[in-house]
């Protein structure tokens, strides 16, 4: 009798594993690095990253975090449906002079989460 019960439990386990869902939903970005090049101090430090839901289910961005306080990201708070696109706006504080290379980490329920975006460039003294 024990053998029958063990066999039944093993068969149930295989059945559950064979029907397990894998998350294949992913975000596709138009680019992951934005290079400002050389910009003047006090100039507009805005850029955008466009993303597309490449999966079959809605994707929710749970958090978008910059590596420091000089970089401010804003992102959509509503679900991004399959096939739809959305924009993450990033604003860099161009008051700081010199080279910069900052990371913006995008957290979501997508399979390829987290995604790290980068902004880079050099701020020179305004003439």
Protein backbone atom coordinates (compact mmCIF):
# COMPACT_ATOMS: atom_id res chain seq x y z
CA UNK A 1 0.00 0.00 0.00
CA UNK A 2 2.87 2.37 0.80
CA UNK A 3 4.32 1.84 -2.67
CA UNK A 4 1.01 2.80 -4.29
CA UNK A 5 0.82 6.00 -2.19
CA UNK A 6 4.42 6.95 -2.99
CA UNK A 7 3.85 6.27 -6.68
CA UNK A 8 0.70 8.40 -6.60
CA UNK A 9 2.55 11.29 -4.90
CA UNK A 10 5.41 11.11 -7.40
CA UNK A 11 2.95 11.16 -10.31
CA UNK A 12 1.18 14.19 -8.81
CA UNK A 13 4.53 15.97 -8.43
CA UNK A 14 5.46 15.37 -12.06
CA UNK A 15 2.02 16.53 -13.14
CA UNK A 16 2.38 19.81 -11.25
CA UNK A 17 5.91 20.39 -12.58
CA UNK A 18 4.90 19.70 -16.17
CA UNK A 19 2.17 22.36 -15.99
CA UNK A 20 4.32 24.99 -14.26
CA UNK A 21 4.24 28.36 -15.98
CA UNK A 22 7.46 30.12 -16.84
CA UNK A 23 7.56 33.89 -17.11
CA UNK A 24 8.63 34.78 -20.64
CA UNK A 25 7.32 38.35 -20.53
CA UNK A 26 10.12 40.80 -21.19
CA UNK A 27 10.76 44.49 -21.63
CA UNK A 28 12.60 45.63 -24.75
CA UNK A 29 14.29 49.04 -24.63
CA UNK A 30 15.05 51.24 -27.64
CA UNK A 31 18.52 51.77 -26.10
CA UNK A 32 20.13 51.05 -22.73
CA UNK A 33 22.83 53.75 -22.84
CA UNK A 34 22.18 57.44 -23.50
CA UNK A 35 25.32 59.45 -24.27
CA UNK A 36 24.86 63.21 -23.85
CA UNK A 37 28.29 63.84 -25.31
CA UNK A 38 29.69 67.19 -24.09
CA UNK A 39 27.03 69.56 -22.78
CA UNK A 40 27.20 73.00 -21.16
CA UNK A 41 26.74 73.55 -17.45
CA UNK A 42 23.12 74.42 -16.69
CA UNK A 43 21.78 72.96 -19.96
CA UNK A 44 18.81 70.63 -20.24
CA UNK A 45 19.79 67.23 -18.85
CA UNK A 46 16.64 65.41 -19.97
CA UNK A 47 16.55 62.16 -21.92
CA UNK A 48 14.10 59.33 -22.53
CA UNK A 49 14.18 55.56 -22.68
CA UNK A 50 11.30 53.93 -24.58
CA UNK A 51 10.31 50.42 -23.56
CA UNK A 52 7.96 47.90 -25.12
CA UNK A 53 6.18 44.98 -23.47
CA UNK A 54 7.31 42.01 -25.59
CA UNK A 55 5.25 39.44 -23.67
CA UNK A 56 1.70 38.15 -23.34
CA UNK A 57 0.83 39.69 -19.96
CA UNK A 58 0.76 43.23 -18.56
CA UNK A 59 4.07 44.39 -17.08
CA UNK A 60 4.21 46.67 -14.06
CA UNK A 61 7.26 48.77 -13.27
CA UNK A 62 7.53 48.45 -9.50
CA UNK A 63 10.48 50.83 -9.10
CA UNK A 64 12.97 52.79 -11.17
CA UNK A 65 16.00 53.77 -9.10
CA UNK A 66 18.91 56.08 -9.95
CA UNK A 67 22.42 55.48 -8.62
CA UNK A 68 22.59 58.97 -7.09
CA UNK A 69 20.48 62.02 -6.27
CA UNK A 70 21.72 63.99 -9.29
CA UNK A 71 19.65 61.76 -11.58
CA UNK A 72 15.83 61.77 -11.33
CA UNK A 73 13.81 59.14 -13.23
CA UNK A 74 10.02 59.26 -13.73
CA UNK A 75 8.14 56.23 -15.02
CA UNK A 76 4.57 55.08 -15.77
CA UNK A 77 2.69 53.77 -12.74
CA UNK A 78 0.05 51.93 -14.78
CA UNK A 79 0.46 48.45 -16.31
CA UNK A 80 2.04 48.26 -19.76
CA UNK A 81 -0.10 45.90 -21.82
CA UNK A 82 1.35 43.40 -24.34
CA UNK A 83 2.66 45.18 -27.43
CA UNK A 84 2.36 48.63 -25.84
CA UNK A 85 5.20 51.07 -25.28
CA UNK A 86 5.94 53.51 -22.48
CA UNK A 87 8.61 56.07 -21.68
CA UNK A 88 10.97 56.48 -18.73
CA UNK A 89 12.05 60.12 -18.46
CA UNK A 90 15.43 60.84 -16.88
CA UNK A 91 16.70 64.25 -15.76
CA UNK A 92 20.39 64.74 -14.95
CA UNK A 93 21.49 67.79 -12.90
CA UNK A 94 23.91 69.59 -15.21
CA UNK A 95 25.17 71.97 -12.50
CA UNK A 96 27.98 69.53 -11.75
CA UNK A 97 31.05 69.97 -13.96
CA UNK A 98 32.99 66.97 -15.31
CA UNK A 99 32.37 63.49 -16.65
CA UNK A 100 29.44 61.43 -15.42
CA UNK A 101 28.29 57.84 -15.81
CA UNK A 102 25.12 57.02 -13.88
CA UNK A 103 22.93 53.91 -13.63
CA UNK A 104 19.14 53.73 -13.60
CA UNK A 105 17.81 50.34 -12.49
CA UNK A 106 14.34 49.30 -13.69
CA UNK A 107 12.48 46.77 -11.53
CA UNK A 108 9.37 45.03 -12.87
CA UNK A 109 7.49 41.74 -13.02
CA UNK A 110 9.17 40.92 -16.37
CA UNK A 111 11.45 37.92 -16.77
CA UNK A 112 14.43 40.16 -17.59
CA UNK A 113 14.10 42.27 -14.43
CA UNK A 114 16.05 44.18 -13.28
CA UNK A 115 17.34 46.08 -16.32
CA UNK A 116 20.16 48.60 -15.83
CA UNK A 117 20.08 51.69 -18.04
CA UNK A 118 23.00 54.15 -18.20
CA UNK A 119 23.46 57.84 -18.91
CA UNK A 120 26.89 59.28 -19.58
CA UNK A 121 28.60 62.37 -20.84
CA UNK A 122 30.61 65.39 -19.80
CA UNK A 123 29.48 68.76 -18.45
CA UNK A 124 31.73 71.72 -19.28
CA UNK A 125 31.71 75.28 -17.92
CA UNK A 126 29.17 77.44 -19.75
CA UNK A 127 30.81 80.06 -21.98
